[in-house]
């Protein structure tokens, strides 16, 4: 079947399970999936049970789709995303974003754990823009005209109005929210110190192994986007060693601020 046919099959399956007209999609990164457990009137579906859906294999990613009410909004949350470095084609990595659009979402909140270039561990950073260093683009191939144009504009891929709302909410809650540029790489290796020096020269404030493909597809589909990075470690060259356990541990420390912030933002969007 074609990509469009697969999207329609998955859409029909989810609608048959009671998932109707979500307002916002939530893509929850490493260690951040706990927010989905606060969704009321939840319909929870294992990824393994959804046709044409990928599998999440990374520690800190539960692998469940959760639909219901959060902060007064209908949300569809991915408790764990798919990564290119897991061996997934980008069509699989971005497939949930296409389905969110098909189901009726108007916007997505994309989150990730990232390495800090301009910021230190424990920082929450609103993504203003990204640099795609993956050497890949999920829109290569036949264009899905039903979703968007062949050559989509990426000037405001991260919706300024959403970011303004996020900052207003953060200020009200007394949570520090910085702005920065996210640079996306494929992984799964952490970056070398030389690469981080190069990325800093390019203007990146945080580096990670996700988000960019999903945001490209979201922008193509006309979805509004808020991106938030949880800075969980200094990037290579700024600390002695890098490991995923630290990523999960630091996420644990900042998750309450993160959850409170996302819920308050949803209520205002």
C-alpha atoms as a PDB file:
ATOM      1  CA  UNK A   1       0.000   0.000   0.000  1.00  0.00           C
ATOM      2  CA  UNK A   2       1.030   3.603  -0.477  1.00  0.00           C
ATOM      3  CA  UNK A   3       1.949   5.884   2.412  1.00  0.00           C
ATOM      4  CA  UNK A   4      -1.366   7.689   2.074  1.00  0.00           C
ATOM      5  CA  UNK A   5      -3.299   4.403   2.166  1.00  0.00           C
ATOM      6  CA  UNK A   6      -1.361   3.322   5.271  1.00  0.00           C
ATOM      7  CA  UNK A   7      -2.202   6.626   6.969  1.00  0.00           C
ATOM      8  CA  UNK A   8      -5.902   6.136   6.215  1.00  0.00           C
ATOM      9  CA  UNK A   9      -5.861   2.537   7.538  1.00  0.00           C
ATOM     10  CA  UNK A  10      -4.207   3.666  10.786  1.00  0.00           C
ATOM     11  CA  UNK A  11      -6.568   6.629  11.090  1.00  0.00           C
ATOM     12  CA  UNK A  12      -9.602   4.342  10.685  1.00  0.00           C
ATOM     13  CA  UNK A  13      -8.236   1.894  13.271  1.00  0.00           C
ATOM     14  CA  UNK A  14      -7.652   4.639  15.867  1.00  0.00           C
ATOM     15  CA  UNK A  15     -11.055   6.186  15.219  1.00  0.00           C
ATOM     16  CA  UNK A  16     -12.622   2.761  15.739  1.00  0.00           C
ATOM     17  CA  UNK A  17     -10.974   2.713  19.185  1.00  0.00           C
ATOM     18  CA  UNK A  18     -12.628   5.998  20.137  1.00  0.00           C
ATOM     19  CA  UNK A  19      -9.852   8.440  19.209  1.00  0.00           C
ATOM     20  CA  UNK A  20     -11.732  11.378  17.728  1.00  0.00           C
ATOM     21  CA  UNK A  21     -10.741  14.928  16.897  1.00  0.00           C
ATOM     22  CA  UNK A  22      -7.683  15.470  19.089  1.00  0.00           C
ATOM     23  CA  UNK A  23      -6.715  19.144  19.293  1.00  0.00           C
ATOM     24  CA  UNK A  24      -3.031  18.649  20.034  1.00  0.00           C
ATOM     25  CA  UNK A  25      -0.448  15.963  19.523  1.00  0.00           C
ATOM     26  CA  UNK A  26       2.221  15.461  22.188  1.00  0.00           C
ATOM     27  CA  UNK A  27       5.514  13.789  21.307  1.00  0.00           C
ATOM     28  CA  UNK A  28       7.204  12.954  24.595  1.00  0.00           C
ATOM     29  CA  UNK A  29      10.959  12.312  24.544  1.00  0.00           C
ATOM     30  CA  UNK A  30      13.354  10.358  26.772  1.00  0.00           C
ATOM     31  CA  UNK A  31      12.154  10.282  30.369  1.00  0.00           C
ATOM     32  CA  UNK A  32       9.310  12.725  29.659  1.00  0.00           C
ATOM     33  CA  UNK A  33       6.553  10.223  28.888  1.00  0.00           C
ATOM     34  CA  UNK A  34       5.212  10.351  32.447  1.00  0.00           C
ATOM     35  CA  UNK A  35       3.107  13.352  31.459  1.00  0.00           C
ATOM     36  CA  UNK A  36       0.848  10.999  29.480  1.00  0.00           C
ATOM     37  CA  UNK A  37      -0.082   9.254  32.741  1.00  0.00           C
ATOM     38  CA  UNK A  38      -1.890  12.431  33.814  1.00  0.00           C
ATOM     39  CA  UNK A  39      -4.309  12.281  30.881  1.00  0.00           C
ATOM     40  CA  UNK A  40      -7.909  11.816  32.059  1.00  0.00           C
ATOM     41  CA  UNK A  41     -10.514   9.557  30.395  1.00  0.00           C
ATOM     42  CA  UNK A  42      -7.560   7.889  28.733  1.00  0.00           C
ATOM     43  CA  UNK A  43      -7.662   5.460  25.841  1.00  0.00           C
ATOM     44  CA  UNK A  44      -4.290   3.663  25.871  1.00  0.00           C
ATOM     45  CA  UNK A  45      -3.089   1.582  22.931  1.00  0.00           C
ATOM     46  CA  UNK A  46       0.204  -0.302  22.713  1.00  0.00           C
ATOM     47  CA  UNK A  47       2.238   0.599  19.648  1.00  0.00           C
ATOM     48  CA  UNK A  48       2.421  -3.109  18.791  1.00  0.00           C
ATOM     49  CA  UNK A  49      -1.363  -3.178  18.294  1.00  0.00           C
ATOM     50  CA  UNK A  50      -1.546  -0.244  15.853  1.00  0.00           C
ATOM     51  CA  UNK A  51      -1.345  -1.082  12.137  1.00  0.00           C
ATOM     52  CA  UNK A  52       1.580   0.484  10.227  1.00  0.00           C
ATOM     53  CA  UNK A  53       3.034   1.852  13.483  1.00  0.00           C
ATOM     54  CA  UNK A  54       6.679   1.620  14.497  1.00  0.00           C
ATOM     55  CA  UNK A  55       8.209   0.276  17.697  1.00  0.00           C
ATOM     56  CA  UNK A  56      10.142   2.263  20.292  1.00  0.00           C
ATOM     57  CA  UNK A  57      13.146   0.415  21.713  1.00  0.00           C
ATOM     58  CA  UNK A  58      14.897   3.087  23.788  1.00  0.00           C
ATOM     59  CA  UNK A  59      15.045   3.111  27.608  1.00  0.00           C
ATOM     60  CA  UNK A  60      12.693   5.831  28.879  1.00  0.00           C
ATOM     61  CA  UNK A  61      10.196   5.333  26.018  1.00  0.00           C
ATOM     62  CA  UNK A  62       7.104   3.359  27.074  1.00  0.00           C
ATOM     63  CA  UNK A  63       5.754   2.650  23.589  1.00  0.00           C
ATOM     64  CA  UNK A  64       2.112   3.593  24.137  1.00  0.00           C
ATOM     65  CA  UNK A  65      -0.350   5.945  22.431  1.00  0.00           C
ATOM     66  CA  UNK A  66      -2.556   7.785  24.927  1.00  0.00           C
ATOM     67  CA  UNK A  67      -5.667   9.806  24.017  1.00  0.00           C
ATOM     68  CA  UNK A  68      -7.809  11.813  26.403  1.00  0.00           C
ATOM     69  CA  UNK A  69      -8.159  15.069  28.322  1.00  0.00           C
ATOM     70  CA  UNK A  70      -5.228  17.113  29.622  1.00  0.00           C
ATOM     71  CA  UNK A  71      -5.567  20.672  30.906  1.00  0.00           C
ATOM     72  CA  UNK A  72      -8.996  20.889  29.309  1.00  0.00           C
ATOM     73  CA  UNK A  73      -7.791  19.908  25.838  1.00  0.00           C
ATOM     74  CA  UNK A  74      -8.155  16.733  23.799  1.00  0.00           C
ATOM     75  CA  UNK A  75      -4.654  15.395  23.313  1.00  0.00           C
ATOM     76  CA  UNK A  76      -3.041  12.457  21.554  1.00  0.00           C
ATOM     77  CA  UNK A  77       0.251  11.650  23.258  1.00  0.00           C
ATOM     78  CA  UNK A  78       3.140   9.508  22.043  1.00  0.00           C
ATOM     79  CA  UNK A  79       4.736   7.915  25.095  1.00  0.00           C
ATOM     80  CA  UNK A  80       8.018   7.361  23.291  1.00  0.00           C
ATOM     81  CA  UNK A  81       8.993   8.220  19.746  1.00  0.00           C
ATOM     82  CA  UNK A  82      10.776   6.423  16.937  1.00  0.00           C
ATOM     83  CA  UNK A  83      14.348   7.308  16.036  1.00  0.00           C
ATOM     84  CA  UNK A  84      16.250   7.029  12.791  1.00  0.00           C
ATOM     85  CA  UNK A  85      19.172   5.441  14.679  1.00  0.00           C
ATOM     86  CA  UNK A  86      16.957   2.515  15.715  1.00  0.00           C
ATOM     87  CA  UNK A  87      16.923   1.498  12.067  1.00  0.00           C
ATOM     88  CA  UNK A  88      13.557   3.053  11.290  1.00  0.00           C
ATOM     89  CA  UNK A  89      13.077   4.711   7.901  1.00  0.00           C
ATOM     90  CA  UNK A  90      12.063   8.366   8.230  1.00  0.00           C
ATOM     91  CA  UNK A  91       8.620   7.436   6.899  1.00  0.00           C
ATOM     92  CA  UNK A  92       8.163   5.424  10.118  1.00  0.00           C
ATOM     93  CA  UNK A  93       9.740   8.083  12.348  1.00  0.00           C
ATOM     94  CA  UNK A  94       7.308  10.732  11.068  1.00  0.00           C
ATOM     95  CA  UNK A  95       4.253   8.531  10.485  1.00  0.00           C
ATOM     96  CA  UNK A  96       2.587   9.490  13.815  1.00  0.00           C
ATOM     97  CA  UNK A  97       2.721  13.170  12.838  1.00  0.00           C
ATOM     98  CA  UNK A  98       0.903  12.419   9.595  1.00  0.00           C
ATOM     99  CA  UNK A  99      -1.735  10.481  11.535  1.00  0.00           C
ATOM    100  CA  UNK A 100      -2.127  13.323  14.046  1.00  0.00           C
ATOM    101  CA  UNK A 101      -2.876  15.661  11.143  1.00  0.00           C
ATOM    102  CA  UNK A 102      -5.298  13.172   9.577  1.00  0.00           C
ATOM    103  CA  UNK A 103      -7.168  12.816  12.889  1.00  0.00           C
ATOM    104  CA  UNK A 104      -7.636  16.587  13.125  1.00  0.00           C
ATOM    105  CA  UNK A 105      -4.849  17.961  15.331  1.00  0.00           C
ATOM    106  CA  UNK A 106      -4.200  21.674  14.888  1.00  0.00           C
ATOM    107  CA  UNK A 107      -0.819  21.667  16.613  1.00  0.00           C
ATOM    108  CA  UNK A 108       1.878  19.503  18.158  1.00  0.00           C
ATOM    109  CA  UNK A 109       4.113  19.915  21.174  1.00  0.00           C
ATOM    110  CA  UNK A 110       7.407  18.151  20.460  1.00  0.00           C
ATOM    111  CA  UNK A 111       9.755  17.450  23.362  1.00  0.00           C
ATOM    112  CA  UNK A 112      13.195  15.934  23.638  1.00  0.00           C
ATOM    113  CA  UNK A 113      16.168  15.387  25.903  1.00  0.00           C
ATOM    114  CA  UNK A 114      19.149  17.240  24.464  1.00  0.00           C
ATOM    115  CA  UNK A 115      22.798  17.995  25.070  1.00  0.00           C
ATOM    116  CA  UNK A 116      23.600  21.570  26.012  1.00  0.00           C
ATOM    117  CA  UNK A 117      25.928  23.662  23.879  1.00  0.00           C
ATOM    118  CA  UNK A 118      24.741  27.078  25.011  1.00  0.00           C
ATOM    119  CA  UNK A 119      22.963  25.857  28.147  1.00  0.00           C
ATOM    120  CA  UNK A 120      23.695  23.534  31.068  1.00  0.00           C
ATOM    121  CA  UNK A 121      21.854  20.506  32.512  1.00  0.00           C
ATOM    122  CA  UNK A 122      18.450  21.207  33.993  1.00  0.00           C
ATOM    123  CA  UNK A 123      17.561  23.947  31.485  1.00  0.00           C
ATOM    124  CA  UNK A 124      14.240  23.986  29.646  1.00  0.00           C
ATOM    125  CA  UNK A 125      14.666  25.485  26.176  1.00  0.00           C
ATOM    126  CA  UNK A 126      11.973  26.574  23.760  1.00  0.00           C
ATOM    127  CA  UNK A 127      13.179  25.717  20.262  1.00  0.00           C
ATOM    128  CA  UNK A 128      13.218  28.764  17.988  1.00  0.00           C
ATOM    129  CA  UNK A 129      14.651  27.005  14.946  1.00  0.00           C
ATOM    130  CA  UNK A 130      16.627  23.937  13.956  1.00  0.00           C
ATOM    131  CA  UNK A 131      19.615  22.910  11.877  1.00  0.00           C
ATOM    132  CA  UNK A 132      19.223  19.602  10.067  1.00  0.00           C
ATOM    133  CA  UNK A 133      22.566  17.778  10.212  1.00  0.00           C
ATOM    134  CA  UNK A 134      21.126  14.314   9.580  1.00  0.00           C
ATOM    135  CA  UNK A 135      21.783  14.380   5.836  1.00  0.00           C
ATOM    136  CA  UNK A 136      18.200  13.151   5.467  1.00  0.00           C
ATOM    137  CA  UNK A 137      14.793  14.687   4.786  1.00  0.00           C
ATOM    138  CA  UNK A 138      11.513  12.832   5.410  1.00  0.00           C
ATOM    139  CA  UNK A 139       9.848  14.580   2.446  1.00  0.00           C
ATOM    140  CA  UNK A 140      12.186  13.017  -0.143  1.00  0.00           C
ATOM    141  CA  UNK A 141      10.116  10.950  -2.553  1.00  0.00           C
ATOM    142  CA  UNK A 142       6.596  11.401  -3.829  1.00  0.00           C
ATOM    143  CA  UNK A 143       4.873  14.436  -2.314  1.00  0.00           C
ATOM    144  CA  UNK A 144       1.613  13.879  -0.427  1.00  0.00           C
ATOM    145  CA  UNK A 145      -0.390  16.733  -1.968  1.00  0.00           C
ATOM    146  CA  UNK A 146      -3.251  16.023   0.483  1.00  0.00           C
ATOM    147  CA  UNK A 147      -0.955  17.163   3.299  1.00  0.00           C
ATOM    148  CA  UNK A 148       1.150  19.947   1.846  1.00  0.00           C
ATOM    149  CA  UNK A 149       3.181  21.443  -1.015  1.00  0.00           C
ATOM    150  CA  UNK A 150       6.226  19.963  -2.719  1.00  0.00           C
ATOM    151  CA  UNK A 151       8.467  22.752  -1.375  1.00  0.00           C
ATOM    152  CA  UNK A 152       7.222  23.744   2.095  1.00  0.00           C
ATOM    153  CA  UNK A 153       8.403  26.942   3.771  1.00  0.00           C
ATOM    154  CA  UNK A 154      10.362  26.307   6.979  1.00  0.00           C
ATOM    155  CA  UNK A 155      10.709  29.982   8.005  1.00  0.00           C
ATOM    156  CA  UNK A 156       8.349  29.563  10.962  1.00  0.00           C
ATOM    157  CA  UNK A 157       8.386  25.798  11.480  1.00  0.00           C
ATOM    158  CA  UNK A 158       8.340  26.507  15.234  1.00  0.00           C
ATOM    159  CA  UNK A 159       5.226  28.666  15.601  1.00  0.00           C
ATOM    160  CA  UNK A 160       6.135  32.058  17.134  1.00  0.00           C
ATOM    161  CA  UNK A 161       2.702  32.520  18.747  1.00  0.00           C
ATOM    162  CA  UNK A 162       2.977  29.170  20.523  1.00  0.00           C
ATOM    163  CA  UNK A 163       6.408  30.131  21.823  1.00  0.00           C
ATOM    164  CA  UNK A 164       5.130  33.497  23.072  1.00  0.00           C
ATOM    165  CA  UNK A 165       2.394  31.675  24.974  1.00  0.00           C
ATOM    166  CA  UNK A 166       4.969  29.282  26.436  1.00  0.00           C
ATOM    167  CA  UNK A 167       7.114  32.145  27.720  1.00  0.00           C
ATOM    168  CA  UNK A 168       4.135  33.986  29.207  1.00  0.00           C
ATOM    169  CA  UNK A 169       3.041  30.815  31.005  1.00  0.00           C
ATOM    170  CA  UNK A 170       6.570  30.021  32.212  1.00  0.00           C
ATOM    171  CA  UNK A 171       6.940  33.525  33.642  1.00  0.00           C
ATOM    172  CA  UNK A 172       3.626  33.179  35.462  1.00  0.00           C
ATOM    173  CA  UNK A 173       4.723  29.841  36.953  1.00  0.00           C
ATOM    174  CA  UNK A 174       8.199  31.082  37.854  1.00  0.00           C
ATOM    175  CA  UNK A 175       9.829  28.514  35.569  1.00  0.00           C
ATOM    176  CA  UNK A 176      12.902  29.576  33.614  1.00  0.00           C
ATOM    177  CA  UNK A 177      12.414  28.927  29.905  1.00  0.00           C
ATOM    178  CA  UNK A 178      15.246  29.828  27.541  1.00  0.00           C
ATOM    179  CA  UNK A 179      15.190  30.180  23.750  1.00  0.00           C
ATOM    180  CA  UNK A 180      17.591  28.350  21.482  1.00  0.00           C
ATOM    181  CA  UNK A 181      18.416  26.590  18.233  1.00  0.00           C
ATOM    182  CA  UNK A 182      18.343  22.779  18.152  1.00  0.00           C
ATOM    183  CA  UNK A 183      20.704  20.899  15.880  1.00  0.00           C
ATOM    184  CA  UNK A 184      19.550  17.440  14.874  1.00  0.00           C
ATOM    185  CA  UNK A 185      21.974  14.568  14.197  1.00  0.00           C
ATOM    186  CA  UNK A 186      21.349  10.894  13.497  1.00  0.00           C
ATOM    187  CA  UNK A 187      23.131   9.300  16.473  1.00  0.00           C
ATOM    188  CA  UNK A 188      23.384   6.813  18.061  1.00  0.00           C
ATOM    189  CA  UNK A 189      26.901   7.929  18.982  1.00  0.00           C
ATOM    190  CA  UNK A 190      27.169  11.064  21.037  1.00  0.00           C
ATOM    191  CA  UNK A 191      28.982  13.815  19.184  1.00  0.00           C
ATOM    192  CA  UNK A 192      32.741  14.336  19.258  1.00  0.00           C
ATOM    193  CA  UNK A 193      34.151  17.465  20.927  1.00  0.00           C
ATOM    194  CA  UNK A 194      35.207  18.708  17.464  1.00  0.00           C
ATOM    195  CA  UNK A 195      31.666  18.292  16.155  1.00  0.00           C
ATOM    196  CA  UNK A 196      30.276  20.236  19.103  1.00  0.00           C
ATOM    197  CA  UNK A 197      32.751  23.067  18.469  1.00  0.00           C
ATOM    198  CA  UNK A 198      31.573  23.112  14.848  1.00  0.00           C
ATOM    199  CA  UNK A 199      27.901  23.092  15.884  1.00  0.00           C
ATOM    200  CA  UNK A 200      28.519  25.989  18.273  1.00  0.00           C
ATOM    201  CA  UNK A 201      30.065  27.955  15.410  1.00  0.00           C
ATOM    202  CA  UNK A 202      26.964  27.186  13.324  1.00  0.00           C
ATOM    203  CA  UNK A 203      24.778  28.745  16.020  1.00  0.00           C
ATOM    204  CA  UNK A 204      23.361  25.695  17.797  1.00  0.00           C
ATOM    205  CA  UNK A 205      22.390  25.851  21.481  1.00  0.00           C
ATOM    206  CA  UNK A 206      21.385  22.202  21.936  1.00  0.00           C
ATOM    207  CA  UNK A 207      21.998  18.938  20.100  1.00  0.00           C
ATOM    208  CA  UNK A 208      19.891  15.803  19.859  1.00  0.00           C
ATOM    209  CA  UNK A 209      18.955  12.750  17.815  1.00  0.00           C
ATOM    210  CA  UNK A 210      15.268  13.405  17.146  1.00  0.00           C
ATOM    211  CA  UNK A 211      12.649  16.131  16.554  1.00  0.00           C
ATOM    212  CA  UNK A 212      13.908  17.529  13.225  1.00  0.00           C
ATOM    213  CA  UNK A 213      12.197  14.928  10.972  1.00  0.00           C
ATOM    214  CA  UNK A 214       8.914  15.221  12.877  1.00  0.00           C
ATOM    215  CA  UNK A 215       8.932  19.017  12.722  1.00  0.00           C
ATOM    216  CA  UNK A 216       9.677  19.012   8.983  1.00  0.00           C
ATOM    217  CA  UNK A 217       6.629  16.798   8.410  1.00  0.00           C
ATOM    218  CA  UNK A 218       4.516  18.877  10.807  1.00  0.00           C
ATOM    219  CA  UNK A 219       5.433  22.065   8.937  1.00  0.00           C
ATOM    220  CA  UNK A 220       4.654  20.373   5.605  1.00  0.00           C
ATOM    221  CA  UNK A 221       1.259  19.323   6.985  1.00  0.00           C
ATOM    222  CA  UNK A 222       0.361  22.815   8.210  1.00  0.00           C
ATOM    223  CA  UNK A 223       0.543  21.861  11.885  1.00  0.00           C
ATOM    224  CA  UNK A 224       1.584  24.498  14.395  1.00  0.00           C
ATOM    225  CA  UNK A 225       4.577  23.462  16.496  1.00  0.00           C
ATOM    226  CA  UNK A 226       5.951  24.132  19.946  1.00  0.00           C
ATOM    227  CA  UNK A 227       9.309  22.489  20.591  1.00  0.00           C
ATOM    228  CA  UNK A 228      10.786  22.145  24.081  1.00  0.00           C
ATOM    229  CA  UNK A 229      14.191  20.629  24.854  1.00  0.00           C
ATOM    230  CA  UNK A 230      15.079  19.411  28.318  1.00  0.00           C
ATOM    231  CA  UNK A 231      18.846  19.958  28.522  1.00  0.00           C
ATOM    232  CA  UNK A 232      20.032  16.843  30.354  1.00  0.00           C
ATOM    233  CA  UNK A 233      23.801  17.047  29.969  1.00  0.00           C
ATOM    234  CA  UNK A 234      26.588  19.202  28.599  1.00  0.00           C
ATOM    235  CA  UNK A 235      27.522  18.212  25.065  1.00  0.00           C
ATOM    236  CA  UNK A 236      30.876  16.556  24.324  1.00  0.00           C
ATOM    237  CA  UNK A 237      33.899  18.583  25.307  1.00  0.00           C
ATOM    238  CA  UNK A 238      32.045  20.354  28.123  1.00  0.00           C
ATOM    239  CA  UNK A 239      32.070  17.368  30.504  1.00  0.00           C
ATOM    240  CA  UNK A 240      34.263  14.298  30.940  1.00  0.00           C
ATOM    241  CA  UNK A 241      31.896  11.644  29.561  1.00  0.00           C
ATOM    242  CA  UNK A 242      28.374  11.179  28.194  1.00  0.00           C
ATOM    243  CA  UNK A 243      25.873   8.430  28.992  1.00  0.00           C
ATOM    244  CA  UNK A 244      22.144   7.778  28.637  1.00  0.00           C
ATOM    245  CA  UNK A 245      21.713   7.040  32.373  1.00  0.00           C
ATOM    246  CA  UNK A 246      22.571  10.654  33.122  1.00  0.00           C
ATOM    247  CA  UNK A 247      20.011  11.806  30.553  1.00  0.00           C
ATOM    248  CA  UNK A 248      17.254   9.865  32.293  1.00  0.00           C
ATOM    249  CA  UNK A 249      18.436  10.968  35.770  1.00  0.00           C
ATOM    250  CA  UNK A 250      18.466  14.693  34.964  1.00  0.00           C
ATOM    251  CA  UNK A 251      15.090  14.386  33.238  1.00  0.00           C
ATOM    252  CA  UNK A 252      13.785  12.917  36.495  1.00  0.00           C
ATOM    253  CA  UNK A 253      14.937  16.062  38.335  1.00  0.00           C
ATOM    254  CA  UNK A 254      13.235  18.531  36.000  1.00  0.00           C
ATOM    255  CA  UNK A 255      10.136  16.560  35.043  1.00  0.00           C
ATOM    256  CA  UNK A 256       7.797  18.294  37.517  1.00  0.00           C
ATOM    257  CA  UNK A 257       8.602  21.713  36.049  1.00  0.00           C
ATOM    258  CA  UNK A 258       8.295  20.234  32.583  1.00  0.00           C
ATOM    259  CA  UNK A 259       4.907  18.624  33.236  1.00  0.00           C
ATOM    260  CA  UNK A 260       3.524  21.721  34.944  1.00  0.00           C
ATOM    261  CA  UNK A 261       4.712  23.922  32.105  1.00  0.00           C
ATOM    262  CA  UNK A 262       3.262  21.782  29.302  1.00  0.00           C
ATOM    263  CA  UNK A 263      -0.120  21.478  31.025  1.00  0.00           C
ATOM    264  CA  UNK A 264      -0.299  25.227  31.627  1.00  0.00           C
ATOM    265  CA  UNK A 265       0.669  25.920  28.008  1.00  0.00           C
ATOM    266  CA  UNK A 266      -2.013  23.551  26.714  1.00  0.00           C
ATOM    267  CA  UNK A 267      -4.629  25.359  28.775  1.00  0.00           C
ATOM    268  CA  UNK A 268      -3.637  28.663  27.135  1.00  0.00           C
ATOM    269  CA  UNK A 269      -3.158  27.608  23.500  1.00  0.00           C
END
